[in-house]
Amino acid sequence: MIGALRWISYINPLRYGFESVVANEFHTLDGTCSNLVPQGPGYEGVSLSNQVCTTVGAVPGQSTVNGNTFIQLSYGYSYSNVWRNFGIVIAFAAGFIIALLIFTEINTSISGESVMVLFKRGAKHASLKDSDSADEEKSTPS
């Protein structure tokens, strides 16, 4: 992101919610590596202590990658920010609700115009008067 527009990401509540969800999911996850290096022809006798996984955050000699390490190195997310982010999302929600209540109180331009629709008793629109005589299904009072 352009440096001058970096501040926009800080006023987006989805940023904080997404970081919390991702950190919560990856906190207890240890992903199994699908590809260890070196491998292939000529490397059959290489032990796990001399191999490394190709995934970000891998430690040489381990066949799994810690989820916390992966999200920290890949995205800069941390599990320690989960409750902080939850508070920020709640603060955004409270701010939006307060703004809604204030703006609905301020917006009085429409409220005085028509609270209810009024009809004059016995009045009919001109198009309804013309169609009454041509209606075949209308019952006639007897």
N, C-alpha and C. Protein backbone atom coordinates (compact mmCIF):
# COMPACT_ATOMS: atom_id res chain seq x y z
N MET A 1 0.85 -1.17 0.00
CA MET A 1 0.00 0.00 0.00
C MET A 1 0.89 1.24 0.00
N ILE A 2 0.43 2.27 -0.66
CA ILE A 2 1.17 3.52 -0.72
C ILE A 2 1.31 4.08 0.70
N GLY A 3 2.47 4.58 1.04
CA GLY A 3 2.74 5.06 2.38
C GLY A 3 1.80 6.16 2.85
N ALA A 4 1.39 7.05 1.95
CA ALA A 4 0.51 8.15 2.33
C ALA A 4 -0.90 7.66 2.63
N LEU A 5 -1.28 6.49 2.13
CA LEU A 5 -2.62 5.97 2.35
C LEU A 5 -2.65 4.83 3.38
N ARG A 6 -1.56 4.61 4.05
CA ARG A 6 -1.47 3.53 5.04
C ARG A 6 -2.47 3.71 6.18
N TRP A 7 -2.82 4.94 6.51
CA TRP A 7 -3.72 5.23 7.62
C TRP A 7 -5.13 4.67 7.39
N ILE A 8 -5.49 4.43 6.14
CA ILE A 8 -6.83 3.93 5.85
C ILE A 8 -7.02 2.54 6.45
N SER A 9 -5.98 1.73 6.47
CA SER A 9 -6.12 0.39 7.03
C SER A 9 -6.36 0.43 8.54
N TYR A 10 -5.96 1.49 9.22
CA TYR A 10 -6.15 1.58 10.66
C TYR A 10 -7.58 1.97 11.03
N ILE A 11 -8.34 2.57 10.11
CA ILE A 11 -9.72 2.94 10.42
C ILE A 11 -10.72 1.93 9.87
N ASN A 12 -10.23 0.78 9.44
CA ASN A 12 -11.09 -0.27 8.91
C ASN A 12 -11.30 -1.34 9.99
N PRO A 13 -12.53 -1.50 10.50
CA PRO A 13 -12.75 -2.50 11.55
C PRO A 13 -12.56 -3.93 11.07
N LEU A 14 -12.69 -4.17 9.77
CA LEU A 14 -12.49 -5.53 9.25
C LEU A 14 -11.06 -6.00 9.43
N ARG A 15 -10.13 -5.07 9.43
CA ARG A 15 -8.72 -5.43 9.63
C ARG A 15 -8.53 -6.10 10.99
N TYR A 16 -9.13 -5.52 12.02
CA TYR A 16 -8.96 -6.03 13.37
C TYR A 16 -9.72 -7.34 13.57
N GLY A 17 -10.90 -7.43 13.00
CA GLY A 17 -11.67 -8.68 13.10
C GLY A 17 -10.98 -9.82 12.37
N PHE A 18 -10.45 -9.53 11.18
CA PHE A 18 -9.78 -10.58 10.40
C PHE A 18 -8.51 -11.06 11.11
N GLU A 19 -7.75 -10.13 11.66
CA GLU A 19 -6.53 -10.53 12.38
C GLU A 19 -6.89 -11.42 13.57
N SER A 20 -7.96 -11.10 14.28
CA SER A 20 -8.37 -11.92 15.43
C SER A 20 -8.78 -13.32 15.01
N VAL A 21 -9.56 -13.41 13.92
CA VAL A 21 -10.01 -14.72 13.46
C VAL A 21 -8.82 -15.57 13.00
N VAL A 22 -7.91 -14.99 12.23
CA VAL A 22 -6.76 -15.74 11.73
C VAL A 22 -5.85 -16.16 12.88
N ALA A 23 -5.59 -15.25 13.81
CA ALA A 23 -4.71 -15.58 14.95
C ALA A 23 -5.33 -16.66 15.82
N ASN A 24 -6.65 -16.61 16.00
CA ASN A 24 -7.32 -17.62 16.81
C ASN A 24 -7.27 -18.99 16.13
N GLU A 25 -7.42 -19.04 14.83
CA GLU A 25 -7.39 -20.32 14.11
C GLU A 25 -5.99 -20.93 14.07
N PHE A 26 -4.96 -20.11 13.86
CA PHE A 26 -3.61 -20.63 13.70
C PHE A 26 -2.88 -20.82 15.03
N HIS A 27 -3.46 -20.36 16.15
CA HIS A 27 -2.77 -20.41 17.44
C HIS A 27 -2.40 -21.83 17.84
N THR A 28 -3.29 -22.77 17.69
CA THR A 28 -3.02 -24.14 18.12
C THR A 28 -2.67 -25.06 16.96
N LEU A 29 -2.47 -24.49 15.79
CA LEU A 29 -2.24 -25.30 14.60
C LEU A 29 -0.74 -25.54 14.38
N ASP A 30 -0.41 -26.78 14.15
CA ASP A 30 0.93 -27.16 13.71
C ASP A 30 0.77 -27.86 12.37
N GLY A 31 1.11 -27.15 11.30
CA GLY A 31 0.92 -27.68 9.95
C GLY A 31 2.03 -28.65 9.57
N THR A 32 1.63 -29.76 8.99
CA THR A 32 2.58 -30.77 8.52
C THR A 32 3.14 -30.35 7.17
N CYS A 33 4.45 -30.44 7.02
CA CYS A 33 5.10 -30.06 5.76
C CYS A 33 4.85 -31.11 4.69
N SER A 34 4.52 -30.63 3.50
CA SER A 34 4.32 -31.56 2.38
C SER A 34 5.57 -31.69 1.53
N ASN A 35 6.51 -30.77 1.72
CA ASN A 35 7.70 -30.78 0.89
C ASN A 35 8.92 -30.45 1.74
N LEU A 36 9.80 -31.40 1.91
CA LEU A 36 11.04 -31.18 2.65
C LEU A 36 12.20 -31.07 1.65
N VAL A 37 13.13 -30.21 1.97
CA VAL A 37 14.30 -30.00 1.10
C VAL A 37 15.54 -30.39 1.89
N PRO A 38 16.47 -31.11 1.39
CA PRO A 38 16.56 -31.74 0.08
C PRO A 38 15.83 -33.07 0.08
N GLN A 39 15.31 -33.43 -1.08
CA GLN A 39 14.67 -34.72 -1.28
C GLN A 39 14.82 -35.12 -2.74
N GLY A 40 14.51 -36.33 -3.05
CA GLY A 40 14.60 -36.80 -4.43
C GLY A 40 15.71 -37.82 -4.60
N PRO A 41 16.07 -38.11 -5.87
CA PRO A 41 17.12 -39.11 -6.13
C PRO A 41 18.48 -38.65 -5.57
N GLY A 42 19.09 -39.52 -4.87
CA GLY A 42 20.39 -39.22 -4.28
C GLY A 42 20.32 -38.70 -2.86
N TYR A 43 19.11 -38.39 -2.36
CA TYR A 43 18.96 -37.86 -1.00
C TYR A 43 18.12 -38.80 -0.12
N GLU A 44 18.07 -40.07 -0.47
CA GLU A 44 17.25 -41.02 0.28
C GLU A 44 17.77 -41.20 1.70
N GLY A 45 19.04 -41.11 1.93
CA GLY A 45 19.62 -41.37 3.24
C GLY A 45 19.71 -40.14 4.13
N VAL A 46 19.20 -39.01 3.70
CA VAL A 46 19.29 -37.78 4.50
C VAL A 46 18.27 -37.83 5.63
N SER A 47 18.73 -37.58 6.84
CA SER A 47 17.82 -37.62 7.99
C SER A 47 17.03 -36.31 8.11
N LEU A 48 15.98 -36.34 8.92
CA LEU A 48 15.12 -35.18 9.12
C LEU A 48 15.88 -34.00 9.73
N SER A 49 16.92 -34.30 10.51
CA SER A 49 17.69 -33.21 11.13
C SER A 49 18.47 -32.40 10.10
N ASN A 50 18.65 -32.93 8.90
CA ASN A 50 19.35 -32.22 7.83
C ASN A 50 18.40 -31.70 6.75
N GLN A 51 17.09 -31.77 6.99
CA GLN A 51 16.10 -31.28 6.04
C GLN A 51 15.32 -30.11 6.63
N VAL A 52 14.73 -29.33 5.74
CA VAL A 52 13.92 -28.20 6.18
C VAL A 52 12.67 -28.12 5.30
N CYS A 53 11.60 -27.66 5.87
CA CYS A 53 10.34 -27.48 5.15
C CYS A 53 10.42 -26.19 4.33
N THR A 54 9.68 -26.15 3.21
CA THR A 54 9.73 -24.97 2.34
C THR A 54 8.71 -23.90 2.73
N THR A 55 7.94 -24.14 3.75
CA THR A 55 6.92 -23.18 4.19
C THR A 55 7.54 -22.09 5.07
N VAL A 56 6.97 -20.89 5.01
CA VAL A 56 7.46 -19.77 5.84
C VAL A 56 7.33 -20.13 7.31
N GLY A 57 8.38 -19.90 8.08
CA GLY A 57 8.39 -20.16 9.51
C GLY A 57 8.88 -21.54 9.90
N ALA A 58 9.35 -22.29 8.94
CA ALA A 58 9.83 -23.64 9.25
C ALA A 58 11.17 -23.59 9.97
N VAL A 59 11.37 -24.57 10.83
CA VAL A 59 12.61 -24.70 11.58
C VAL A 59 13.31 -25.95 11.06
N PRO A 60 14.62 -25.86 10.74
CA PRO A 60 15.33 -27.05 10.25
C PRO A 60 15.26 -28.19 11.26
N GLY A 61 14.96 -29.37 10.77
CA GLY A 61 14.89 -30.55 11.62
C GLY A 61 13.49 -30.84 12.12
N GLN A 62 12.51 -30.04 11.79
CA GLN A 62 11.13 -30.29 12.20
C GLN A 62 10.26 -30.50 10.98
N SER A 63 9.33 -31.45 11.07
CA SER A 63 8.45 -31.72 9.93
C SER A 63 7.14 -30.96 10.02
N THR A 64 6.99 -30.10 11.03
CA THR A 64 5.78 -29.28 11.19
C THR A 64 6.17 -27.81 11.30
N VAL A 65 5.21 -26.94 11.01
CA VAL A 65 5.41 -25.49 11.14
C VAL A 65 4.42 -24.97 12.17
N ASN A 66 4.91 -24.23 13.14
CA ASN A 66 4.06 -23.65 14.17
C ASN A 66 3.18 -22.57 13.54
N GLY A 67 1.87 -22.60 13.85
CA GLY A 67 0.92 -21.64 13.29
C GLY A 67 1.20 -20.21 13.72
N ASN A 68 1.60 -20.01 14.98
CA ASN A 68 1.91 -18.65 15.47
C ASN A 68 3.10 -18.06 14.72
N THR A 69 4.11 -18.87 14.50
CA THR A 69 5.29 -18.40 13.78
C THR A 69 4.94 -18.07 12.34
N PHE A 70 4.10 -18.91 11.72
CA PHE A 70 3.71 -18.70 10.33
C PHE A 70 2.97 -17.38 10.15
N ILE A 71 1.97 -17.09 10.99
CA ILE A 71 1.20 -15.84 10.80
C ILE A 71 2.02 -14.61 11.21
N GLN A 72 2.95 -14.78 12.14
CA GLN A 72 3.79 -13.64 12.52
C GLN A 72 4.73 -13.27 11.37
N LEU A 73 5.36 -14.25 10.75
CA LEU A 73 6.30 -13.96 9.68
C LEU A 73 5.61 -13.62 8.36
N SER A 74 4.45 -14.22 8.10
CA SER A 74 3.76 -13.99 6.83
C SER A 74 2.96 -12.69 6.83
N TYR A 75 2.22 -12.42 7.92
CA TYR A 75 1.29 -11.29 7.93
C TYR A 75 1.55 -10.27 9.02
N GLY A 76 2.39 -10.61 9.98
CA GLY A 76 2.64 -9.70 11.10
C GLY A 76 1.55 -9.76 12.15
N TYR A 77 0.75 -10.85 12.16
CA TYR A 77 -0.32 -11.02 13.14
C TYR A 77 0.22 -11.73 14.36
N SER A 78 -0.40 -11.45 15.51
CA SER A 78 0.03 -12.08 16.75
C SER A 78 -1.19 -12.48 17.57
N TYR A 79 -1.11 -13.62 18.23
CA TYR A 79 -2.22 -14.08 19.06
C TYR A 79 -2.44 -13.16 20.26
N SER A 80 -1.41 -12.46 20.69
CA SER A 80 -1.57 -11.57 21.84
C SER A 80 -2.46 -10.37 21.53
N ASN A 81 -2.77 -10.13 20.25
CA ASN A 81 -3.63 -9.00 19.88
C ASN A 81 -5.11 -9.37 19.76
N VAL A 82 -5.48 -10.61 20.06
CA VAL A 82 -6.86 -11.04 19.85
C VAL A 82 -7.84 -10.23 20.70
N TRP A 83 -7.59 -10.12 21.98
CA TRP A 83 -8.53 -9.39 22.84
C TRP A 83 -8.47 -7.89 22.61
N ARG A 84 -7.32 -7.38 22.26
CA ARG A 84 -7.23 -5.96 21.91
C ARG A 84 -8.08 -5.68 20.68
N ASN A 85 -7.98 -6.54 19.67
CA ASN A 85 -8.76 -6.37 18.45
C ASN A 85 -10.25 -6.52 18.71
N PHE A 86 -10.62 -7.42 19.62
CA PHE A 86 -12.03 -7.56 19.98
C PHE A 86 -12.56 -6.27 20.58
N GLY A 87 -11.78 -5.66 21.46
CA GLY A 87 -12.18 -4.37 22.05
C GLY A 87 -12.29 -3.28 21.01
N ILE A 88 -11.39 -3.27 20.04
CA ILE A 88 -11.44 -2.26 18.98
C ILE A 88 -12.69 -2.45 18.12
N VAL A 89 -13.04 -3.69 17.80
CA VAL A 89 -14.25 -3.95 17.01
C VAL A 89 -15.50 -3.53 17.79
N ILE A 90 -15.54 -3.80 19.09
CA ILE A 90 -16.67 -3.36 19.92
C ILE A 90 -16.74 -1.84 19.97
N ALA A 91 -15.60 -1.17 20.07
CA ALA A 91 -15.58 0.29 20.07
C ALA A 91 -16.08 0.86 18.74
N PHE A 92 -15.68 0.25 17.63
CA PHE A 92 -16.20 0.67 16.33
C PHE A 92 -17.72 0.50 16.28
N ALA A 93 -18.22 -0.64 16.74
CA ALA A 93 -19.66 -0.90 16.72
C ALA A 93 -20.41 0.12 17.57
N ALA A 94 -19.90 0.41 18.77
CA ALA A 94 -20.54 1.41 19.62
C ALA A 94 -20.51 2.79 18.96
N GLY A 95 -19.38 3.13 18.34
CA GLY A 95 -19.29 4.42 17.65
C GLY A 95 -20.25 4.53 16.49
N PHE A 96 -20.41 3.45 15.72
CA PHE A 96 -21.35 3.48 14.60
C PHE A 96 -22.79 3.58 15.09
N ILE A 97 -23.12 2.90 16.18
CA ILE A 97 -24.48 2.98 16.72
C ILE A 97 -24.77 4.37 17.25
N ILE A 98 -23.81 4.96 17.94
CA ILE A 98 -23.99 6.33 18.45
C ILE A 98 -24.14 7.31 17.29
N ALA A 99 -23.33 7.15 16.25
CA ALA A 99 -23.46 8.02 15.07
C ALA A 99 -24.83 7.85 14.42
N LEU A 100 -25.32 6.62 14.34
CA LEU A 100 -26.65 6.37 13.78
C LEU A 100 -27.72 7.09 14.59
N LEU A 101 -27.66 6.97 15.91
CA LEU A 101 -28.66 7.62 16.75
C LEU A 101 -28.61 9.13 16.64
N ILE A 102 -27.41 9.68 16.59
CA ILE A 102 -27.27 11.14 16.46
C ILE A 102 -27.80 11.62 15.12
N PHE A 103 -27.44 10.95 14.05
CA PHE A 103 -27.86 11.40 12.73
C PHE A 103 -29.35 11.20 12.49
N THR A 104 -29.96 10.20 13.11
CA THR A 104 -31.40 10.05 12.96
C THR A 104 -32.15 11.12 13.75
N GLU A 105 -31.57 11.62 14.81
CA GLU A 105 -32.19 12.72 15.54
C GLU A 105 -32.02 14.04 14.79
N ILE A 106 -30.89 14.21 14.15
CA ILE A 106 -30.63 15.45 13.41
C ILE A 106 -31.47 15.51 12.14
N ASN A 107 -31.70 14.41 11.48
CA ASN A 107 -32.41 14.38 10.21
C ASN A 107 -33.91 14.52 10.45
N THR A 108 -34.40 15.75 10.50
CA THR A 108 -35.82 16.01 10.72
C THR A 108 -36.49 16.59 9.50
N SER A 109 -35.81 16.64 8.36
CA SER A 109 -36.38 17.26 7.17
C SER A 109 -37.55 16.46 6.61
N ILE A 110 -37.56 15.16 6.78
CA ILE A 110 -38.63 14.34 6.22
C ILE A 110 -39.73 14.08 7.25
N SER A 111 -39.45 14.17 8.51
CA SER A 111 -40.38 13.73 9.53
C SER A 111 -41.67 14.54 9.57
N GLY A 112 -41.68 15.80 9.22
CA GLY A 112 -42.88 16.60 9.31
C GLY A 112 -43.74 16.57 8.07
N GLU A 113 -43.27 16.02 6.99
CA GLU A 113 -44.01 16.08 5.74
C GLU A 113 -45.22 15.16 5.72
N SER A 114 -45.04 13.90 5.90
CA SER A 114 -46.18 12.99 5.83
C SER A 114 -45.96 11.82 6.78
N VAL A 115 -46.59 11.92 7.91
CA VAL A 115 -46.49 10.84 8.87
C VAL A 115 -47.43 9.71 8.48
N MET A 116 -48.62 10.08 7.98
CA MET A 116 -49.57 9.07 7.52
C MET A 116 -50.26 9.56 6.25
N VAL A 117 -50.78 8.64 5.48
CA VAL A 117 -51.46 8.97 4.24
C VAL A 117 -52.93 9.24 4.57
N LEU A 118 -53.44 10.36 4.08
CA LEU A 118 -54.83 10.73 4.33
C LEU A 118 -55.63 10.59 3.05
N PHE A 119 -56.83 10.02 3.16
CA PHE A 119 -57.75 9.90 2.04
C PHE A 119 -59.05 10.59 2.42
N LYS A 120 -59.59 11.36 1.50
CA LYS A 120 -60.87 12.01 1.73
C LYS A 120 -61.97 10.97 1.60
N ARG A 121 -62.86 10.95 2.56
CA ARG A 121 -63.92 9.95 2.57
C ARG A 121 -64.84 10.11 1.36
N GLY A 122 -65.03 9.03 0.64
CA GLY A 122 -65.93 9.04 -0.51
C GLY A 122 -65.31 9.54 -1.79
N ALA A 123 -64.06 9.94 -1.78
CA ALA A 123 -63.42 10.46 -2.98
C ALA A 123 -62.84 9.32 -3.79
N LYS A 124 -62.97 9.40 -5.13
CA LYS A 124 -62.39 8.42 -6.03
C LYS A 124 -61.56 9.13 -7.06
N HIS A 125 -60.50 8.46 -7.47
CA HIS A 125 -59.65 9.02 -8.51
C HIS A 125 -60.39 8.95 -9.84
N ALA A 126 -60.08 9.85 -10.77
CA ALA A 126 -60.79 9.93 -12.05
C ALA A 126 -60.69 8.63 -12.83
N SER A 127 -59.58 7.95 -12.81
CA SER A 127 -59.44 6.71 -13.56
C SER A 127 -60.31 5.60 -12.98
N LEU A 128 -60.56 5.62 -11.68
CA LEU A 128 -61.42 4.63 -11.07
C LEU A 128 -62.88 4.87 -11.41
N LYS A 129 -63.30 6.11 -11.57
CA LYS A 129 -64.69 6.43 -11.91
C LYS A 129 -65.03 5.91 -13.31
N ASP A 130 -64.10 6.04 -14.25
CA ASP A 130 -64.35 5.60 -15.62
C ASP A 130 -64.40 4.09 -15.73
N SER A 131 -63.63 3.38 -14.96
CA SER A 131 -63.55 1.93 -15.11
C SER A 131 -64.72 1.21 -14.44
N ASP A 132 -65.45 1.87 -13.56
CA ASP A 132 -66.55 1.21 -12.85
C ASP A 132 -67.64 0.76 -13.81
N SER A 133 -67.95 1.54 -14.82
CA SER A 133 -69.07 1.20 -15.72
C SER A 133 -68.70 0.07 -16.67
N ALA A 134 -67.43 -0.13 -16.98
CA ALA A 134 -67.02 -1.15 -17.94
C ALA A 134 -66.67 -2.48 -17.28
N ASP A 135 -66.76 -2.57 -15.98
CA ASP A 135 -66.38 -3.80 -15.29
C ASP A 135 -67.51 -4.81 -15.34
N GLU A 136 -67.32 -5.93 -16.02
CA GLU A 136 -68.35 -6.93 -16.18
C GLU A 136 -68.52 -7.79 -14.93
N GLU A 137 -67.47 -7.96 -14.17
CA GLU A 137 -67.51 -8.84 -13.02
C GLU A 137 -68.01 -8.16 -11.77
N LYS A 138 -68.17 -6.86 -11.81
CA LYS A 138 -68.60 -6.13 -10.63
C LYS A 138 -70.08 -6.40 -10.41
N SER A 139 -70.41 -6.78 -9.19
CA SER A 139 -71.80 -7.06 -8.90
C SER A 139 -72.58 -5.76 -8.75
N THR A 140 -73.80 -5.78 -9.16
CA THR A 140 -74.65 -4.60 -9.05
C THR A 140 -75.49 -4.76 -7.80
N PRO A 141 -75.64 -3.66 -7.08
CA PRO A 141 -76.45 -3.76 -5.85
C PRO A 141 -77.92 -4.02 -6.20
N SER A 142 -78.56 -4.90 -5.48
CA SER A 142 -79.96 -5.18 -5.79
C SER A 142 -80.90 -4.68 -4.74
